[in-house]
Amino acid sequence: MKVHVATKLLRSKWTAAVPVNKEKHFIVTALIAPEAPGTQVDSITMEAVLSGRSFTLRWRELNDAAQWRRGWR
């Protein structure tokens, strides 16, 4: 991921297409640094607004419209 894309992704808001445990709204709270220096960020940490539960996923999974919508809806 390029730096400007990573900057825009951090603190972005997302809505789960199919909420689980009433967790619908999420915020990207961290970009996970790659293990190999000089490689691009591939993973992020998301946090559920309702519960505060955090989890890690590959940022490209946010492109799956069956799972995620950009913004809070």
PDB file of N, CA and C in Angstrom:
ATOM      1  N   MET A   1       0.838  -1.156   0.000  1.00  0.00           N
ATOM      2  CA  MET A   1       0.000   0.000   0.000  1.00  0.00           C
ATOM      3  C   MET A   1       0.891   1.229   0.000  1.00  0.00           C
ATOM      4  N   LYS A   2       0.569   2.188  -0.814  1.00  0.00           N
ATOM      5  CA  LYS A   2       1.354   3.411  -0.863  1.00  0.00           C
ATOM      6  C   LYS A   2       1.073   4.252   0.373  1.00  0.00           C
ATOM      7  N   VAL A   3       2.002   5.127   0.700  1.00  0.00           N
ATOM      8  CA  VAL A   3       1.911   5.912   1.925  1.00  0.00           C
ATOM      9  C   VAL A   3       0.633   6.747   1.971  1.00  0.00           C
ATOM     10  N   HIS A   4       0.289   7.434   0.863  1.00  0.00           N
ATOM     11  CA  HIS A   4      -0.904   8.287   0.895  1.00  0.00           C
ATOM     12  C   HIS A   4      -2.175   7.469   1.067  1.00  0.00           C
ATOM     13  N   VAL A   5      -2.226   6.271   0.528  1.00  0.00           N
ATOM     14  CA  VAL A   5      -3.380   5.394   0.714  1.00  0.00           C
ATOM     15  C   VAL A   5      -3.458   4.955   2.169  1.00  0.00           C
ATOM     16  N   ALA A   6      -2.320   4.613   2.753  1.00  0.00           N
ATOM     17  CA  ALA A   6      -2.280   4.194   4.158  1.00  0.00           C
ATOM     18  C   ALA A   6      -2.747   5.325   5.064  1.00  0.00           C
ATOM     19  N   THR A   7      -2.335   6.542   4.771  1.00  0.00           N
ATOM     20  CA  THR A   7      -2.729   7.689   5.581  1.00  0.00           C
ATOM     21  C   THR A   7      -4.237   7.886   5.530  1.00  0.00           C
ATOM     22  N   LYS A   8      -4.835   7.715   4.384  1.00  0.00           N
ATOM     23  CA  LYS A   8      -6.280   7.873   4.253  1.00  0.00           C
ATOM     24  C   LYS A   8      -7.032   6.735   4.946  1.00  0.00           C
ATOM     25  N   LEU A   9      -6.449   5.568   4.988  1.00  0.00           N
ATOM     26  CA  LEU A   9      -7.109   4.410   5.586  1.00  0.00           C
ATOM     27  C   LEU A   9      -7.148   4.501   7.109  1.00  0.00           C
ATOM     28  N   LEU A  10      -6.109   5.032   7.709  1.00  0.00           N
ATOM     29  CA  LEU A  10      -6.052   5.151   9.162  1.00  0.00           C
ATOM     30  C   LEU A  10      -7.178   6.058   9.660  1.00  0.00           C
ATOM     31  N   ARG A  11      -7.914   5.594  10.661  1.00  0.00           N
ATOM     32  CA  ARG A  11      -9.065   6.267  11.259  1.00  0.00           C
ATOM     33  C   ARG A  11     -10.274   6.359  10.335  1.00  0.00           C
ATOM     34  N   SER A  12     -10.278   5.588   9.231  1.00  0.00           N
ATOM     35  CA  SER A  12     -11.452   5.589   8.365  1.00  0.00           C
ATOM     36  C   SER A  12     -12.563   4.762   9.017  1.00  0.00           C
ATOM     37  N   LYS A  13     -13.796   5.045   8.631  1.00  0.00           N
ATOM     38  CA  LYS A  13     -14.976   4.420   9.225  1.00  0.00           C
ATOM     39  C   LYS A  13     -15.578   3.426   8.244  1.00  0.00           C
ATOM     40  N   TRP A  14     -16.047   2.287   8.790  1.00  0.00           N
ATOM     41  CA  TRP A  14     -16.603   1.216   7.979  1.00  0.00           C
ATOM     42  C   TRP A  14     -17.845   0.637   8.632  1.00  0.00           C
ATOM     43  N   THR A  15     -18.755   0.142   7.805  1.00  0.00           N
ATOM     44  CA  THR A  15     -19.963  -0.519   8.282  1.00  0.00           C
ATOM     45  C   THR A  15     -19.935  -1.957   7.813  1.00  0.00           C
ATOM     46  N   ALA A  16     -20.203  -2.867   8.736  1.00  0.00           N
ATOM     47  CA  ALA A  16     -20.272  -4.286   8.386  1.00  0.00           C
ATOM     48  C   ALA A  16     -21.557  -4.524   7.592  1.00  0.00           C
ATOM     49  N   ALA A  17     -21.454  -5.213   6.474  1.00  0.00           N
ATOM     50  CA  ALA A  17     -22.626  -5.516   5.658  1.00  0.00           C
ATOM     51  C   ALA A  17     -23.564  -6.461   6.393  1.00  0.00           C
ATOM     52  N   VAL A  18     -22.999  -7.364   7.179  1.00  0.00           N
ATOM     53  CA  VAL A  18     -23.781  -8.305   7.978  1.00  0.00           C
ATOM     54  C   VAL A  18     -23.263  -8.221   9.417  1.00  0.00           C
ATOM     55  N   PRO A  19     -23.884  -7.391  10.243  1.00  0.00           N
ATOM     56  CA  PRO A  19     -23.409  -7.229  11.619  1.00  0.00           C
ATOM     57  C   PRO A  19     -23.479  -8.532  12.416  1.00  0.00           C
ATOM     58  N   VAL A  20     -22.492  -8.730  13.284  1.00  0.00           N
ATOM     59  CA  VAL A  20     -22.438  -9.883  14.167  1.00  0.00           C
ATOM     60  C   VAL A  20     -22.345  -9.352  15.594  1.00  0.00           C
ATOM     61  N   ASN A  21     -23.126  -9.906  16.509  1.00  0.00           N
ATOM     62  CA  ASN A  21     -23.156  -9.457  17.906  1.00  0.00           C
ATOM     63  C   ASN A  21     -23.444  -7.959  18.025  1.00  0.00           C
ATOM     64  N   LYS A  22     -24.300  -7.456  17.164  1.00  0.00           N
ATOM     65  CA  LYS A  22     -24.693  -6.042  17.133  1.00  0.00           C
ATOM     66  C   LYS A  22     -23.540  -5.099  16.817  1.00  0.00           C
ATOM     67  N   GLU A  23     -22.404  -5.633  16.385  1.00  0.00           N
ATOM     68  CA  GLU A  23     -21.264  -4.801  15.981  1.00  0.00           C
ATOM     69  C   GLU A  23     -21.435  -4.435  14.510  1.00  0.00           C
ATOM     70  N   LYS A  24     -21.742  -3.190  14.278  1.00  0.00           N
ATOM     71  CA  LYS A  24     -22.016  -2.733  12.917  1.00  0.00           C
ATOM     72  C   LYS A  24     -20.987  -1.716  12.438  1.00  0.00           C
ATOM     73  N   HIS A  25     -20.590  -0.793  13.312  1.00  0.00           N
ATOM     74  CA  HIS A  25     -19.680   0.283  12.930  1.00  0.00           C
ATOM     75  C   HIS A  25     -18.272   0.027  13.451  1.00  0.00           C
ATOM     76  N   PHE A  26     -17.284   0.293  12.577  1.00  0.00           N
ATOM     77  CA  PHE A  26     -15.887   0.014  12.880  1.00  0.00           C
ATOM     78  C   PHE A  26     -15.006   1.175  12.452  1.00  0.00           C
ATOM     79  N   ILE A  27     -13.852   1.285  13.117  1.00  0.00           N
ATOM     80  CA  ILE A  27     -12.844   2.288  12.776  1.00  0.00           C
ATOM     81  C   ILE A  27     -11.507   1.579  12.603  1.00  0.00           C
ATOM     82  N   VAL A  28     -10.752   1.980  11.573  1.00  0.00           N
ATOM     83  CA  VAL A  28      -9.394   1.468  11.401  1.00  0.00           C
ATOM     84  C   VAL A  28      -8.533   2.210  12.419  1.00  0.00           C
ATOM     85  N   THR A  29      -7.982   1.474  13.388  1.00  0.00           N
ATOM     86  CA  THR A  29      -7.229   2.108  14.472  1.00  0.00           C
ATOM     87  C   THR A  29      -5.721   2.012  14.306  1.00  0.00           C
ATOM     88  N   ALA A  30      -5.250   1.090  13.463  1.00  0.00           N
ATOM     89  CA  ALA A  30      -3.795   0.947  13.300  1.00  0.00           C
ATOM     90  C   ALA A  30      -3.462   0.303  11.972  1.00  0.00           C
ATOM     91  N   LEU A  31      -2.318   0.683  11.448  1.00  0.00           N
ATOM     92  CA  LEU A  31      -1.736   0.026  10.279  1.00  0.00           C
ATOM     93  C   LEU A  31      -0.605  -0.838  10.821  1.00  0.00           C
ATOM     94  N   ILE A  32      -0.597  -2.094  10.470  1.00  0.00           N
ATOM     95  CA  ILE A  32       0.397  -3.015  11.011  1.00  0.00           C
ATOM     96  C   ILE A  32       1.628  -3.010  10.124  1.00  0.00           C
ATOM     97  N   ALA A  33       2.749  -2.678  10.735  1.00  0.00           N
ATOM     98  CA  ALA A  33       4.008  -2.602   9.997  1.00  0.00           C
ATOM     99  C   ALA A  33       4.394  -3.982   9.479  1.00  0.00           C
ATOM    100  N   PRO A  34       4.860  -4.055   8.244  1.00  0.00           N
ATOM    101  CA  PRO A  34       5.272  -5.341   7.684  1.00  0.00           C
ATOM    102  C   PRO A  34       6.533  -5.857   8.369  1.00  0.00           C
ATOM    103  N   GLU A  35       6.685  -7.180   8.369  1.00  0.00           N
ATOM    104  CA  GLU A  35       7.866  -7.787   8.988  1.00  0.00           C
ATOM    105  C   GLU A  35       9.139  -7.462   8.209  1.00  0.00           C
ATOM    106  N   ALA A  36       9.025  -7.451   6.901  1.00  0.00           N
ATOM    107  CA  ALA A  36      10.194  -7.171   6.060  1.00  0.00           C
ATOM    108  C   ALA A  36      10.295  -5.666   5.811  1.00  0.00           C
ATOM    109  N   PRO A  37      11.420  -5.060   6.172  1.00  0.00           N
ATOM    110  CA  PRO A  37      11.587  -3.619   5.936  1.00  0.00           C
ATOM    111  C   PRO A  37      11.476  -3.287   4.450  1.00  0.00           C
ATOM    112  N   GLY A  38      10.870  -2.152   4.174  1.00  0.00           N
ATOM    113  CA  GLY A  38      10.759  -1.700   2.793  1.00  0.00           C
ATOM    114  C   GLY A  38       9.553  -2.248   2.055  1.00  0.00           C
ATOM    115  N   THR A  39       8.778  -3.135   2.696  1.00  0.00           N
ATOM    116  CA  THR A  39       7.568  -3.641   2.045  1.00  0.00           C
ATOM    117  C   THR A  39       6.377  -2.809   2.500  1.00  0.00           C
ATOM    118  N   GLN A  40       5.288  -2.938   1.788  1.00  0.00           N
ATOM    119  CA  GLN A  40       4.124  -2.096   2.033  1.00  0.00           C
ATOM    120  C   GLN A  40       3.225  -2.686   3.119  1.00  0.00           C
ATOM    121  N   VAL A  41       2.476  -1.802   3.766  1.00  0.00           N
ATOM    122  CA  VAL A  41       1.507  -2.217   4.774  1.00  0.00           C
ATOM    123  C   VAL A  41       0.464  -3.111   4.112  1.00  0.00           C
ATOM    124  N   ASP A  42       0.175  -4.248   4.752  1.00  0.00           N
ATOM    125  CA  ASP A  42      -0.801  -5.172   4.195  1.00  0.00           C
ATOM    126  C   ASP A  42      -1.952  -5.436   5.150  1.00  0.00           C
ATOM    127  N   SER A  43      -1.729  -5.237   6.455  1.00  0.00           N
ATOM    128  CA  SER A  43      -2.749  -5.547   7.448  1.00  0.00           C
ATOM    129  C   SER A  43      -3.100  -4.313   8.269  1.00  0.00           C
ATOM    130  N   ILE A  44      -4.323  -4.347   8.814  1.00  0.00           N
ATOM    131  CA  ILE A  44      -4.811  -3.247   9.634  1.00  0.00           C
ATOM    132  C   ILE A  44      -5.466  -3.809  10.887  1.00  0.00           C
ATOM    133  N   THR A  45      -5.663  -2.943  11.861  1.00  0.00           N
ATOM    134  CA  THR A  45      -6.441  -3.292  13.039  1.00  0.00           C
ATOM    135  C   THR A  45      -7.736  -2.500  12.982  1.00  0.00           C
ATOM    136  N   MET A  46      -8.857  -3.217  13.139  1.00  0.00           N
ATOM    137  CA  MET A  46     -10.182  -2.602  13.161  1.00  0.00           C
ATOM    138  C   MET A  46     -10.722  -2.710  14.573  1.00  0.00           C
ATOM    139  N   GLU A  47     -11.493  -1.697  14.979  1.00  0.00           N
ATOM    140  CA  GLU A  47     -12.116  -1.716  16.295  1.00  0.00           C
ATOM    141  C   GLU A  47     -13.612  -1.472  16.164  1.00  0.00           C
ATOM    142  N   ALA A  48     -14.398  -2.316  16.817  1.00  0.00           N
ATOM    143  CA  ALA A  48     -15.845  -2.142  16.847  1.00  0.00           C
ATOM    144  C   ALA A  48     -16.182  -0.977  17.770  1.00  0.00           C
ATOM    145  N   VAL A  49     -16.994  -0.059  17.289  1.00  0.00           N
ATOM    146  CA  VAL A  49     -17.358   1.110  18.084  1.00  0.00           C
ATOM    147  C   VAL A  49     -18.189   0.695  19.298  1.00  0.00           C
ATOM    148  N   LEU A  50     -19.110  -0.217  19.139  1.00  0.00           N
ATOM    149  CA  LEU A  50     -20.010  -0.626  20.222  1.00  0.00           C
ATOM    150  C   LEU A  50     -19.290  -1.323  21.363  1.00  0.00           C
ATOM    151  N   SER A  51     -18.459  -2.306  21.024  1.00  0.00           N
ATOM    152  CA  SER A  51     -17.854  -3.147  22.058  1.00  0.00           C
ATOM    153  C   SER A  51     -16.382  -2.836  22.345  1.00  0.00           C
ATOM    154  N   GLY A  52     -15.715  -2.170  21.410  1.00  0.00           N
ATOM    155  CA  GLY A  52     -14.288  -1.920  21.570  1.00  0.00           C
ATOM    156  C   GLY A  52     -13.424  -3.113  21.182  1.00  0.00           C
ATOM    157  N   ARG A  53     -14.047  -4.178  20.707  1.00  0.00           N
ATOM    158  CA  ARG A  53     -13.307  -5.370  20.286  1.00  0.00           C
ATOM    159  C   ARG A  53     -12.447  -5.026  19.077  1.00  0.00           C
ATOM    160  N   SER A  54     -11.189  -5.463  19.101  1.00  0.00           N
ATOM    161  CA  SER A  54     -10.266  -5.220  17.990  1.00  0.00           C
ATOM    162  C   SER A  54      -9.898  -6.525  17.318  1.00  0.00           C
ATOM    163  N   PHE A  55      -9.618  -6.434  16.026  1.00  0.00           N
ATOM    164  CA  PHE A  55      -9.157  -7.592  15.268  1.00  0.00           C
ATOM    165  C   PHE A  55      -8.310  -7.116  14.101  1.00  0.00           C
ATOM    166  N   THR A  56      -7.550  -8.031  13.556  1.00  0.00           N
ATOM    167  CA  THR A  56      -6.655  -7.732  12.444  1.00  0.00           C
ATOM    168  C   THR A  56      -7.178  -8.381  11.172  1.00  0.00           C
ATOM    169  N   LEU A  57      -7.056  -7.663  10.065  1.00  0.00           N
ATOM    170  CA  LEU A  57      -7.378  -8.232   8.771  1.00  0.00           C
ATOM    171  C   LEU A  57      -6.539  -7.562   7.699  1.00  0.00           C
ATOM    172  N   ARG A  58      -6.491  -8.176   6.552  1.00  0.00           N
ATOM    173  CA  ARG A  58      -5.773  -7.579   5.423  1.00  0.00           C
ATOM    174  C   ARG A  58      -6.627  -6.445   4.883  1.00  0.00           C
ATOM    175  N   TRP A  59      -6.009  -5.302   4.638  1.00  0.00           N
ATOM    176  CA  TRP A  59      -6.785  -4.129   4.239  1.00  0.00           C
ATOM    177  C   TRP A  59      -7.547  -4.349   2.942  1.00  0.00           C
ATOM    178  N   ARG A  60      -7.079  -5.216   2.088  1.00  0.00           N
ATOM    179  CA  ARG A  60      -7.769  -5.471   0.811  1.00  0.00           C
ATOM    180  C   ARG A  60      -9.143  -6.122   1.009  1.00  0.00           C
ATOM    181  N   GLU A  61      -9.348  -6.738   2.174  1.00  0.00           N
ATOM    182  CA  GLU A  61     -10.652  -7.342   2.463  1.00  0.00           C
ATOM    183  C   GLU A  61     -11.745  -6.285   2.550  1.00  0.00           C
ATOM    184  N   LEU A  62     -11.377  -5.030   2.792  1.00  0.00           N
ATOM    185  CA  LEU A  62     -12.364  -3.953   2.852  1.00  0.00           C
ATOM    186  C   LEU A  62     -13.005  -3.684   1.494  1.00  0.00           C
ATOM    187  N   ASN A  63     -12.393  -4.177   0.426  1.00  0.00           N
ATOM    188  CA  ASN A  63     -12.946  -4.010  -0.922  1.00  0.00           C
ATOM    189  C   ASN A  63     -14.097  -4.972  -1.199  1.00  0.00           C
ATOM    190  N   ASP A  64     -14.326  -5.947  -0.305  1.00  0.00           N
ATOM    191  CA  ASP A  64     -15.387  -6.937  -0.487  1.00  0.00           C
ATOM    192  C   ASP A  64     -16.723  -6.336  -0.058  1.00  0.00           C
ATOM    193  N   ALA A  65     -17.554  -5.966  -1.016  1.00  0.00           N
ATOM    194  CA  ALA A  65     -18.844  -5.317  -0.735  1.00  0.00           C
ATOM    195  C   ALA A  65     -19.804  -6.236   0.008  1.00  0.00           C
ATOM    196  N   ALA A  66     -19.573  -7.532  -0.040  1.00  0.00           N
ATOM    197  CA  ALA A  66     -20.421  -8.460   0.705  1.00  0.00           C
ATOM    198  C   ALA A  66     -20.135  -8.392   2.202  1.00  0.00           C
ATOM    199  N   GLN A  67     -18.971  -7.810   2.583  1.00  0.00           N
ATOM    200  CA  GLN A  67     -18.603  -7.724   3.992  1.00  0.00           C
ATOM    201  C   GLN A  67     -18.553  -6.304   4.536  1.00  0.00           C
ATOM    202  N   TRP A  68     -18.123  -5.337   3.725  1.00  0.00           N
ATOM    203  CA  TRP A  68     -17.848  -3.985   4.222  1.00  0.00           C
ATOM    204  C   TRP A  68     -18.424  -2.907   3.328  1.00  0.00           C
ATOM    205  N   ARG A  69     -18.844  -1.807   3.964  1.00  0.00           N
ATOM    206  CA  ARG A  69     -19.275  -0.593   3.278  1.00  0.00           C
ATOM    207  C   ARG A  69     -18.462   0.561   3.862  1.00  0.00           C
ATOM    208  N   ARG A  70     -17.986   1.455   3.007  1.00  0.00           N
ATOM    209  CA  ARG A  70     -17.214   2.609   3.470  1.00  0.00           C
ATOM    210  C   ARG A  70     -18.151   3.583   4.175  1.00  0.00           C
ATOM    211  N   GLY A  71     -17.697   4.141   5.290  1.00  0.00           N
ATOM    212  CA  GLY A  71     -18.504   5.081   6.070  1.00  0.00           C
ATOM    213  C   GLY A  71     -19.439   4.351   7.009  1.00  0.00           C
ATOM    214  N   TRP A  72     -20.187   5.141   7.791  1.00  0.00           N
ATOM    215  CA  TRP A  72     -21.167   4.556   8.708  1.00  0.00           C
ATOM    216  C   TRP A  72     -22.551   4.754   8.111  1.00  0.00           C
ATOM    217  N   ARG A  73     -23.284   3.656   8.018  1.00  0.00           N
ATOM    218  CA  ARG A  73     -24.629   3.688   7.419  1.00  0.00           C
ATOM    219  C   ARG A  73     -25.633   3.077   8.340  1.00  0.00           C
TER     220      ARG A  73
END
